[in-house]
Amino acid sequence: MCGNPIVGKGVTVVYEGSTITVCSLCYSRIRKASKPASLNSTPSQKRVNVSKQKSTNSEKRKDIIDFEIISDYSSVIRSARENKGMTTKQLAEKLKTSESIIKRIEQGKLKPTLEQAKLLERILSIKLIINLENTDEKNVSSESSDFELTLGDIVNIRDGKK
């Protein structure tokens, strides 16, 4: 939770519905609000779960950091769909989602996920995803702040610490 690597043996607990392995310092902070993880799982299963969490988190961070959906996605999607002569229902079937999701995306009320945006790009022959490494926004944000929020920071905020 604090973001530091776990040195020695970590403590596996269930905290707010999630099974996590934390260092002893983090465990001392959440001891009252957590409970020990199920004793039915074997140590090898715990290791597998931890490694899956780490790879999933790093993959999500990469998607969030490296790529972004363009700001006028709703109008681009709507005009491309109309140019292809498709209805929202037909697009929803190709995207394997509901028609209401397509309508909400076209109204700008719902931003498509990265996976949905990739499919929409393929189906409609449009460009929705931009690589932030090639834009000035990436340079500005990386220069202005190297701060990364961790779960430990959130715990501190909840406890009233800053």
C-alpha atoms as a PDB file:
ATOM      1  CA  MET A   1       0.000   0.000   0.000  1.00  0.00           C
ATOM      2  CA  CYS A   2       2.847   2.382   0.745  1.00  0.00           C
ATOM      3  CA  GLY A   3       4.398   1.722  -2.650  1.00  0.00           C
ATOM      4  CA  ASN A   4       7.675   0.354  -1.300  1.00  0.00           C
ATOM      5  CA  PRO A   5       8.792  -3.190  -2.118  1.00  0.00           C
ATOM      6  CA  ILE A   6       7.973  -5.760   0.566  1.00  0.00           C
ATOM      7  CA  VAL A   7      11.156  -6.804   2.345  1.00  0.00           C
ATOM      8  CA  GLY A   8      10.925 -10.162   4.071  1.00  0.00           C
ATOM      9  CA  LYS A   9       7.609 -11.853   4.609  1.00  0.00           C
ATOM     10  CA  GLY A  10       4.492  -9.840   3.748  1.00  0.00           C
ATOM     11  CA  VAL A  11       1.169 -10.119   5.535  1.00  0.00           C
ATOM     12  CA  THR A  12      -1.774 -11.270   3.400  1.00  0.00           C
ATOM     13  CA  VAL A  13      -5.064  -9.736   4.553  1.00  0.00           C
ATOM     14  CA  VAL A  14      -8.559  -9.011   3.313  1.00  0.00           C
ATOM     15  CA  TYR A  15      -9.000  -5.232   3.300  1.00  0.00           C
ATOM     16  CA  GLU A  16     -12.187  -3.573   2.000  1.00  0.00           C
ATOM     17  CA  GLY A  17     -13.102  -6.750   0.117  1.00  0.00           C
ATOM     18  CA  SER A  18      -9.735  -7.242  -1.586  1.00  0.00           C
ATOM     19  CA  THR A  19      -7.055  -9.757  -0.684  1.00  0.00           C
ATOM     20  CA  ILE A  20      -3.707  -7.979  -0.604  1.00  0.00           C
ATOM     21  CA  THR A  21      -0.216  -8.633   0.673  1.00  0.00           C
ATOM     22  CA  VAL A  22       1.253  -5.701   2.583  1.00  0.00           C
ATOM     23  CA  CYS A  23       4.456  -4.924   4.448  1.00  0.00           C
ATOM     24  CA  SER A  24       4.461  -4.974   8.242  1.00  0.00           C
ATOM     25  CA  LEU A  25       4.272  -1.162   8.454  1.00  0.00           C
ATOM     26  CA  CYS A  26       1.152  -1.007   6.276  1.00  0.00           C
ATOM     27  CA  TYR A  27      -0.352  -3.910   8.204  1.00  0.00           C
ATOM     28  CA  SER A  28       0.070  -2.019  11.462  1.00  0.00           C
ATOM     29  CA  ARG A  29      -1.926   0.866   9.925  1.00  0.00           C
ATOM     30  CA  ILE A  30      -4.830  -1.280   8.663  1.00  0.00           C
ATOM     31  CA  ARG A  31      -4.829  -4.010  11.315  1.00  0.00           C
ATOM     32  CA  LYS A  32      -8.170  -2.938  12.851  1.00  0.00           C
ATOM     33  CA  ALA A  33      -9.961  -2.585   9.512  1.00  0.00           C
ATOM     34  CA  SER A  34      -8.663  -5.812   7.953  1.00  0.00           C
ATOM     35  CA  LYS A  35      -8.752  -9.512   8.682  1.00  0.00           C
ATOM     36  CA  PRO A  36      -6.234 -12.250   7.906  1.00  0.00           C
ATOM     37  CA  ALA A  37      -6.683 -13.875   4.514  1.00  0.00           C
ATOM     38  CA  SER A  38      -8.306 -17.301   4.329  1.00  0.00           C
ATOM     39  CA  LEU A  39      -6.151 -20.048   5.708  1.00  0.00           C
ATOM     40  CA  ASN A  40      -7.486 -22.405   3.016  1.00  0.00           C
ATOM     41  CA  SER A  41      -5.253 -20.966   0.312  1.00  0.00           C
ATOM     42  CA  THR A  42      -1.770 -22.323  -0.016  1.00  0.00           C
ATOM     43  CA  PRO A  43       1.346 -20.140  -0.069  1.00  0.00           C
ATOM     44  CA  SER A  44       1.855 -20.846  -3.772  1.00  0.00           C
ATOM     45  CA  GLN A  45      -1.660 -19.577  -4.511  1.00  0.00           C
ATOM     46  CA  LYS A  46      -0.907 -16.412  -2.587  1.00  0.00           C
ATOM     47  CA  ARG A  47       2.233 -15.833  -4.609  1.00  0.00           C
ATOM     48  CA  VAL A  48       0.322 -16.304  -7.858  1.00  0.00           C
ATOM     49  CA  ASN A  49      -2.344 -13.812  -6.764  1.00  0.00           C
ATOM     50  CA  VAL A  50       0.261 -11.217  -5.823  1.00  0.00           C
ATOM     51  CA  SER A  51       2.113 -11.554  -9.121  1.00  0.00           C
ATOM     52  CA  LYS A  52      -1.167 -11.277 -11.040  1.00  0.00           C
ATOM     53  CA  GLN A  53      -2.015  -8.087  -9.153  1.00  0.00           C
ATOM     54  CA  LYS A  54       1.368  -6.573  -9.921  1.00  0.00           C
ATOM     55  CA  SER A  55       1.218  -7.328 -13.655  1.00  0.00           C
ATOM     56  CA  THR A  56      -2.374  -6.132 -13.909  1.00  0.00           C
ATOM     57  CA  ASN A  57      -1.577  -2.869 -12.118  1.00  0.00           C
ATOM     58  CA  SER A  58       1.468  -2.173 -14.276  1.00  0.00           C
ATOM     59  CA  GLU A  59      -0.520  -2.920 -17.452  1.00  0.00           C
ATOM     60  CA  LYS A  60      -3.294  -0.544 -16.360  1.00  0.00           C
ATOM     61  CA  ARG A  61      -0.777   2.171 -15.536  1.00  0.00           C
ATOM     62  CA  LYS A  62       0.811   1.764 -18.975  1.00  0.00           C
ATOM     63  CA  ASP A  63      -2.582   2.134 -20.684  1.00  0.00           C
ATOM     64  CA  ILE A  64      -3.442   5.180 -18.607  1.00  0.00           C
ATOM     65  CA  ILE A  65      -0.077   6.849 -19.064  1.00  0.00           C
ATOM     66  CA  ASP A  66       0.684   6.078 -22.702  1.00  0.00           C
ATOM     67  CA  PHE A  67      -2.686   6.405 -24.449  1.00  0.00           C
ATOM     68  CA  GLU A  68      -5.721   8.645 -24.319  1.00  0.00           C
ATOM     69  CA  ILE A  69      -8.989   8.845 -26.210  1.00  0.00           C
ATOM     70  CA  ILE A  70      -9.445  12.065 -28.191  1.00  0.00           C
ATOM     71  CA  SER A  71     -11.612  14.762 -26.598  1.00  0.00           C
ATOM     72  CA  ASP A  72     -14.194  14.982 -29.423  1.00  0.00           C
ATOM     73  CA  TYR A  73     -14.691  11.206 -29.594  1.00  0.00           C
ATOM     74  CA  SER A  74     -18.499  11.460 -29.523  1.00  0.00           C
ATOM     75  CA  SER A  75     -18.856  13.551 -32.694  1.00  0.00           C
ATOM     76  CA  VAL A  76     -16.158  11.550 -34.524  1.00  0.00           C
ATOM     77  CA  ILE A  77     -17.915   8.259 -33.736  1.00  0.00           C
ATOM     78  CA  ARG A  78     -21.369   9.577 -34.644  1.00  0.00           C
ATOM     79  CA  SER A  79     -20.282  11.066 -37.984  1.00  0.00           C
ATOM     80  CA  ALA A  80     -18.263   7.962 -38.937  1.00  0.00           C
ATOM     81  CA  ARG A  81     -21.204   5.698 -38.114  1.00  0.00           C
ATOM     82  CA  GLU A  82     -23.579   7.859 -40.176  1.00  0.00           C
ATOM     83  CA  ASN A  83     -21.116   7.999 -43.094  1.00  0.00           C
ATOM     84  CA  LYS A  84     -21.005   4.196 -43.126  1.00  0.00           C
ATOM     85  CA  GLY A  85     -24.840   4.112 -43.112  1.00  0.00           C
ATOM     86  CA  MET A  86     -25.019   2.179 -39.838  1.00  0.00           C
ATOM     87  CA  THR A  87     -27.622   2.483 -37.111  1.00  0.00           C
ATOM     88  CA  THR A  88     -26.683   2.576 -33.451  1.00  0.00           C
ATOM     89  CA  LYS A  89     -28.144  -0.911 -33.122  1.00  0.00           C
ATOM     90  CA  GLN A  90     -25.927  -2.276 -35.915  1.00  0.00           C
ATOM     91  CA  LEU A  91     -22.838  -0.664 -34.388  1.00  0.00           C
ATOM     92  CA  ALA A  92     -23.751  -2.068 -30.978  1.00  0.00           C
ATOM     93  CA  GLU A  93     -24.008  -5.571 -32.443  1.00  0.00           C
ATOM     94  CA  LYS A  94     -20.584  -5.278 -34.064  1.00  0.00           C
ATOM     95  CA  LEU A  95     -19.108  -3.907 -30.847  1.00  0.00           C
ATOM     96  CA  LYS A  96     -20.920  -6.637 -28.848  1.00  0.00           C
ATOM     97  CA  THR A  97     -22.506  -4.162 -26.459  1.00  0.00           C
ATOM     98  CA  SER A  98     -25.940  -2.615 -25.936  1.00  0.00           C
ATOM     99  CA  GLU A  99     -27.437   0.110 -28.081  1.00  0.00           C
ATOM    100  CA  SER A 100     -27.814   2.372 -25.044  1.00  0.00           C
ATOM    101  CA  ILE A 101     -24.031   2.255 -24.495  1.00  0.00           C
ATOM    102  CA  ILE A 102     -23.463   3.419 -28.092  1.00  0.00           C
ATOM    103  CA  LYS A 103     -26.012   6.210 -27.680  1.00  0.00           C
ATOM    104  CA  ARG A 104     -24.384   7.367 -24.427  1.00  0.00           C
ATOM    105  CA  ILE A 105     -20.936   7.323 -26.080  1.00  0.00           C
ATOM    106  CA  GLU A 106     -22.245   9.364 -29.038  1.00  0.00           C
ATOM    107  CA  GLN A 107     -23.848  11.870 -26.654  1.00  0.00           C
ATOM    108  CA  GLY A 108     -20.539  12.275 -24.820  1.00  0.00           C
ATOM    109  CA  LYS A 109     -22.015  10.977 -21.559  1.00  0.00           C
ATOM    110  CA  LEU A 110     -19.833   7.852 -21.544  1.00  0.00           C
ATOM    111  CA  LYS A 111     -16.199   7.630 -22.561  1.00  0.00           C
ATOM    112  CA  PRO A 112     -15.375   4.319 -24.270  1.00  0.00           C
ATOM    113  CA  THR A 113     -12.800   2.071 -22.663  1.00  0.00           C
ATOM    114  CA  LEU A 114      -9.485   1.606 -24.411  1.00  0.00           C
ATOM    115  CA  GLU A 115     -10.639  -1.796 -25.708  1.00  0.00           C
ATOM    116  CA  GLN A 116     -13.925  -0.341 -27.008  1.00  0.00           C
ATOM    117  CA  ALA A 117     -12.039   2.530 -28.658  1.00  0.00           C
ATOM    118  CA  LYS A 118      -9.732   0.072 -30.443  1.00  0.00           C
ATOM    119  CA  LEU A 119     -12.745  -1.861 -31.755  1.00  0.00           C
ATOM    120  CA  LEU A 120     -14.502   1.331 -32.823  1.00  0.00           C
ATOM    121  CA  GLU A 121     -11.368   2.401 -34.692  1.00  0.00           C
ATOM    122  CA  ARG A 122     -11.349  -0.896 -36.575  1.00  0.00           C
ATOM    123  CA  ILE A 123     -15.099  -0.996 -37.286  1.00  0.00           C
ATOM    124  CA  LEU A 124     -15.495   2.660 -38.320  1.00  0.00           C
ATOM    125  CA  SER A 125     -12.010   3.239 -39.820  1.00  0.00           C
ATOM    126  CA  ILE A 126     -11.347   6.236 -37.563  1.00  0.00           C
ATOM    127  CA  LYS A 127      -8.631   7.375 -35.144  1.00  0.00           C
ATOM    128  CA  LEU A 128      -9.749   7.684 -31.503  1.00  0.00           C
ATOM    129  CA  ILE A 129      -6.621   6.832 -29.521  1.00  0.00           C
ATOM    130  CA  ILE A 130      -3.628   9.136 -29.311  1.00  0.00           C
ATOM    131  CA  ASN A 131      -0.214   8.305 -27.940  1.00  0.00           C
ATOM    132  CA  LEU A 132       0.594  10.769 -25.164  1.00  0.00           C
ATOM    133  CA  GLU A 133       4.354  10.276 -25.550  1.00  0.00           C
ATOM    134  CA  ASN A 134       4.210  12.259 -28.796  1.00  0.00           C
ATOM    135  CA  THR A 135       2.170  15.195 -27.457  1.00  0.00           C
ATOM    136  CA  ASP A 136       3.151  18.293 -25.545  1.00  0.00           C
ATOM    137  CA  GLU A 137       0.690  17.363 -22.760  1.00  0.00           C
ATOM    138  CA  LYS A 138       2.880  14.407 -21.767  1.00  0.00           C
ATOM    139  CA  ASN A 139       5.966  16.624 -21.553  1.00  0.00           C
ATOM    140  CA  VAL A 140       4.171  19.231 -19.442  1.00  0.00           C
ATOM    141  CA  SER A 141       2.649  16.718 -17.043  1.00  0.00           C
ATOM    142  CA  SER A 142       5.892  14.773 -16.566  1.00  0.00           C
ATOM    143  CA  GLU A 143       7.855  17.967 -15.922  1.00  0.00           C
ATOM    144  CA  SER A 144       5.327  19.451 -13.520  1.00  0.00           C
ATOM    145  CA  SER A 145       4.852  16.430 -11.289  1.00  0.00           C
ATOM    146  CA  ASP A 146       6.523  13.083 -10.703  1.00  0.00           C
ATOM    147  CA  PHE A 147       4.033  12.338  -7.920  1.00  0.00           C
ATOM    148  CA  GLU A 148       2.213   9.017  -8.045  1.00  0.00           C
ATOM    149  CA  LEU A 149      -0.693   8.358  -5.672  1.00  0.00           C
ATOM    150  CA  THR A 150      -0.520   5.057  -3.765  1.00  0.00           C
ATOM    151  CA  LEU A 151      -3.057   3.270  -1.579  1.00  0.00           C
ATOM    152  CA  GLY A 152      -0.981   4.356   1.409  1.00  0.00           C
ATOM    153  CA  ASP A 153      -1.613   7.985   0.471  1.00  0.00           C
ATOM    154  CA  ILE A 154      -5.338   7.314   0.385  1.00  0.00           C
ATOM    155  CA  VAL A 155      -5.198   5.697   3.828  1.00  0.00           C
ATOM    156  CA  ASN A 156      -3.371   8.758   5.131  1.00  0.00           C
ATOM    157  CA  ILE A 157      -5.995  11.054   3.610  1.00  0.00           C
ATOM    158  CA  ARG A 158      -8.775   9.033   5.251  1.00  0.00           C
ATOM    159  CA  ASP A 159      -6.977   9.237   8.589  1.00  0.00           C
ATOM    160  CA  GLY A 160      -6.700  13.013   8.211  1.00  0.00           C
ATOM    161  CA  LYS A 161      -2.939  13.052   7.619  1.00  0.00           C
ATOM    162  CA  LYS A 162      -1.355  14.930   4.741  1.00  0.00           C
END
